Amino acid sequence: MLRWDSAAFEAAFGLSSQLMPSTCPEIVFSGRSNVGKSSLINRLAGRKSLARTSATPGKTATINFYRLNEARLVDLPGYGYARVSDSERKRWAELIEGYFDADRDVRLVVQLVDIRHTPSKDDYQMLEYMVDREIPFIVVLTKADKLNKTERAQRLAAFEQELVDYEGVFTLPFSSSNGEGAEELRALLADAISDGE
């Protein structure tokens, strides 16, 4: 049983060579800059500032680890922010690939996409990467509270086309503001942890 109230910041690493060994199941959060990863982690844990949020895109330049009673949450650096130097972009790529190349007990990747927008080129690259590596993932559509009913129906229909190459991928609308999707996501993550036991 995952105890969200036990969540605590554990460590942050800027280089894959620094990463601590994988000693328990891990749930990974991935997405472009400012898609709402920190806010989502805070909502899941029922805490305001477990994960630091920032209005500045590209702020999370490290892999951040949060410890729960029997699992770890892994917050990857946001990608796709234009105002980042090439060397910084390469470091991020090396960090993320280094994480997945290590022998880690990754149970699920939660890929975040802003519900208001078509997935970006970087989003598609990440999805392809996970398919190629056979990494299990779901797509969480953040900022669901920002659309009215009609816009939401249009975007959900559009996502069916935009994600048509990823047959059977599970998508979940989510709002960090009003908590929509939080209970369902907690249940999915608990299942992902217990499935591998």
Protein backbone atom coordinates (compact mmCIF):
# COMPACT_ATOMS: atom_id res chain seq x y z
CA MET A 1 0.00 0.00 0.00
CA LEU A 2 1.53 3.30 -1.12
CA ARG A 3 1.48 5.91 1.64
CA TRP A 4 1.47 9.30 -0.08
CA ASP A 5 1.70 11.08 3.25
CA SER A 6 5.14 9.52 3.70
CA ALA A 7 6.55 11.36 0.64
CA ALA A 8 9.81 13.19 1.28
CA PHE A 9 12.43 14.81 -0.95
CA GLU A 10 15.43 12.48 -1.08
CA ALA A 11 18.07 13.76 -3.51
CA ALA A 12 18.76 15.63 -6.76
CA PHE A 13 21.41 14.77 -9.35
CA GLY A 14 22.65 16.72 -12.36
CA LEU A 15 24.83 13.96 -13.86
CA SER A 16 23.92 10.33 -14.52
CA SER A 17 27.23 9.24 -12.96
CA GLN A 18 25.97 10.62 -9.62
CA LEU A 19 22.68 8.69 -9.57
CA MET A 20 22.13 6.54 -6.52
CA PRO A 21 21.41 2.85 -7.07
CA SER A 22 17.84 1.67 -7.56
CA THR A 23 16.79 -0.02 -4.33
CA CYS A 24 12.99 -0.03 -4.71
CA PRO A 25 10.30 0.31 -7.43
CA GLU A 26 10.36 3.66 -9.23
CA ILE A 27 7.60 5.74 -10.84
CA VAL A 28 8.99 8.27 -13.33
CA PHE A 29 7.45 11.62 -14.31
CA SER A 30 8.41 13.01 -17.71
CA GLY A 31 7.28 15.98 -19.78
CA ARG A 32 8.22 19.27 -21.32
CA SER A 33 9.11 22.34 -19.27
CA ASN A 34 6.17 23.92 -17.46
CA VAL A 35 3.77 21.04 -18.18
CA GLY A 36 3.06 20.75 -14.46
CA LYS A 37 5.18 17.85 -13.19
CA SER A 38 5.98 19.43 -9.82
CA SER A 39 2.37 20.52 -9.30
CA LEU A 40 1.16 17.00 -10.12
CA ILE A 41 3.61 15.41 -7.66
CA ASN A 42 2.51 17.89 -4.98
CA ARG A 43 -1.17 17.10 -5.65
CA LEU A 44 -0.57 13.35 -5.45
CA ALA A 45 1.29 13.72 -2.16
CA GLY A 46 -1.27 16.19 -0.79
CA ARG A 47 1.49 18.72 -0.14
CA LYS A 48 1.95 22.30 -1.32
CA SER A 49 5.70 22.38 -1.76
CA LEU A 50 7.16 18.87 -1.75
CA ALA A 51 8.31 19.44 -5.34
CA ARG A 52 9.36 23.01 -6.01
CA THR A 53 7.29 24.64 -8.74
CA SER A 54 8.55 27.51 -10.85
CA ALA A 55 7.01 29.93 -13.32
CA THR A 56 10.32 29.83 -15.19
CA PRO A 57 10.45 27.04 -17.80
CA GLY A 58 13.53 24.84 -17.71
CA LYS A 59 14.02 25.35 -13.98
CA THR A 60 14.29 21.66 -13.05
CA ALA A 61 17.71 20.80 -14.46
CA THR A 62 18.24 17.80 -12.22
CA ILE A 63 16.60 14.43 -11.69
CA ASN A 64 14.79 14.76 -8.38
CA PHE A 65 14.03 11.74 -6.21
CA TYR A 66 11.20 11.57 -3.68
CA ARG A 67 10.87 8.65 -1.30
CA LEU A 68 7.58 7.01 -0.36
CA ASN A 69 7.24 4.15 2.10
CA GLU A 70 7.77 1.46 -0.54
CA ALA A 71 8.62 3.26 -3.78
CA ARG A 72 10.43 6.24 -5.23
CA LEU A 73 9.05 9.04 -7.40
CA VAL A 74 11.52 10.24 -10.01
CA ASP A 75 11.01 13.70 -11.52
CA LEU A 76 12.98 14.04 -14.78
CA PRO A 77 14.10 17.49 -15.95
CA GLY A 78 11.60 19.18 -18.26
CA TYR A 79 12.61 19.18 -21.92
CA GLY A 80 11.88 21.34 -24.94
CA TYR A 81 12.60 24.78 -23.52
CA ALA A 82 14.03 26.90 -26.35
CA ARG A 83 16.21 29.23 -24.30
CA VAL A 84 18.62 26.56 -23.14
CA SER A 85 22.16 26.24 -24.48
CA ASP A 86 23.13 23.25 -26.62
CA SER A 87 25.56 22.04 -23.98
CA GLU A 88 22.79 22.15 -21.35
CA ARG A 89 20.43 20.30 -23.71
CA LYS A 90 23.08 17.60 -24.25
CA ARG A 91 23.60 17.29 -20.50
CA TRP A 92 19.85 16.80 -20.00
CA ALA A 93 19.73 14.15 -22.74
CA GLU A 94 22.70 12.33 -21.22
CA LEU A 95 21.12 12.54 -17.77
CA ILE A 96 17.78 11.11 -18.89
CA GLU A 97 19.33 8.37 -21.06
CA GLY A 98 21.82 7.59 -18.30
CA TYR A 99 18.91 7.12 -15.92
CA PHE A 100 17.07 4.69 -18.21
CA ASP A 101 20.28 2.87 -19.23
CA ALA A 102 21.07 2.04 -15.61
CA ASP A 103 19.56 -1.13 -14.23
CA ARG A 104 16.60 0.52 -12.47
CA ASP A 105 13.31 -0.93 -11.27
CA VAL A 106 11.10 1.39 -13.36
CA ARG A 107 7.48 0.29 -12.99
CA LEU A 108 5.82 3.06 -14.97
CA VAL A 109 6.55 6.36 -16.70
CA VAL A 110 3.88 9.04 -16.32
CA GLN A 111 4.27 11.10 -19.49
CA LEU A 112 2.70 14.53 -19.03
CA VAL A 113 1.23 16.45 -21.97
CA ASP A 114 -0.66 19.76 -21.72
CA ILE A 115 -4.26 18.93 -22.71
CA ARG A 116 -4.56 22.28 -24.52
CA HIS A 117 -1.86 21.51 -27.08
CA THR A 118 -0.89 18.91 -29.64
CA PRO A 119 2.05 16.83 -28.34
CA SER A 120 5.33 18.51 -29.29
CA LYS A 121 8.15 16.98 -31.34
CA ASP A 122 9.96 16.36 -28.04
CA ASP A 123 6.88 14.66 -26.58
CA TYR A 124 6.74 12.31 -29.58
CA GLN A 125 10.47 11.62 -29.28
CA MET A 126 9.98 10.64 -25.64
CA LEU A 127 7.04 8.38 -26.52
CA GLU A 128 9.09 6.72 -29.28
CA TYR A 129 12.00 6.27 -26.89
CA MET A 130 9.76 4.46 -24.39
CA VAL A 131 8.17 2.28 -27.06
CA ASP A 132 11.62 1.35 -28.44
CA ARG A 133 12.91 0.53 -24.96
CA GLU A 134 9.68 -1.26 -23.98
CA ILE A 135 9.24 1.00 -20.96
CA PRO A 136 5.62 0.96 -19.69
CA PHE A 137 3.98 4.38 -19.75
CA ILE A 138 0.69 6.24 -19.52
CA VAL A 139 -0.12 9.74 -20.79
CA VAL A 140 -1.53 12.23 -18.28
CA LEU A 141 -3.18 15.28 -19.84
CA THR A 142 -2.44 18.15 -17.47
CA LYS A 143 -4.23 21.49 -16.97
CA ALA A 144 -7.64 19.91 -17.70
CA ASP A 145 -9.36 22.67 -15.68
CA LYS A 146 -8.21 25.27 -18.22
CA LEU A 147 -10.65 24.10 -20.93
CA ASN A 148 -14.41 24.41 -21.10
CA LYS A 149 -16.54 21.36 -21.90
CA THR A 150 -16.55 21.90 -25.68
CA GLU A 151 -12.80 22.61 -25.93
CA ARG A 152 -12.07 19.59 -23.78
CA ALA A 153 -14.18 17.27 -25.94
CA GLN A 154 -12.40 18.62 -29.05
CA ARG A 155 -8.93 18.11 -27.55
CA LEU A 156 -9.72 14.58 -26.28
CA ALA A 157 -10.98 13.66 -29.77
CA ALA A 158 -7.84 15.21 -31.28
CA PHE A 159 -5.60 13.22 -28.92
CA GLU A 160 -7.09 9.99 -30.27
CA GLN A 161 -5.67 10.97 -33.66
CA GLU A 162 -2.45 12.49 -32.32
CA LEU A 163 -1.63 9.33 -30.35
CA VAL A 164 -2.97 6.88 -32.93
CA ASP A 165 0.50 5.33 -33.37
CA TYR A 166 0.53 4.28 -29.69
CA GLU A 167 -2.27 1.77 -29.78
CA GLY A 168 -3.94 1.12 -26.46
CA VAL A 169 -2.06 3.90 -24.62
CA PHE A 170 -3.95 4.97 -21.50
CA THR A 171 -4.71 8.70 -21.23
CA LEU A 172 -6.00 10.49 -18.14
CA PRO A 173 -7.16 14.13 -17.89
CA PHE A 174 -5.68 15.71 -14.76
CA SER A 175 -5.85 19.00 -12.91
CA SER A 176 -3.46 19.94 -10.11
CA SER A 177 -5.78 22.87 -9.29
CA ASN A 178 -9.01 20.98 -8.62
CA GLY A 179 -7.65 17.45 -8.14
CA GLU A 180 -9.38 15.87 -11.14
CA GLY A 181 -7.74 12.54 -11.95
CA ALA A 182 -5.63 12.44 -8.76
CA GLU A 183 -7.43 9.50 -7.11
CA GLU A 184 -7.39 7.50 -10.34
CA LEU A 185 -3.70 8.21 -10.89
CA ARG A 186 -2.82 7.23 -7.30
CA ALA A 187 -4.65 3.91 -7.86
CA LEU A 188 -2.82 3.31 -11.15
CA LEU A 189 0.55 3.97 -9.55
CA ALA A 190 -0.24 1.69 -6.60
CA ASP A 191 -1.17 -1.06 -9.10
CA ALA A 192 2.07 -0.50 -11.04
CA ILE A 193 4.08 -0.89 -7.82
CA SER A 194 2.25 -4.01 -6.64
CA ASP A 195 2.19 -5.69 -10.10
CA GLY A 196 5.92 -6.19 -10.10
CA GLU A 197 6.12 -7.58 -6.58
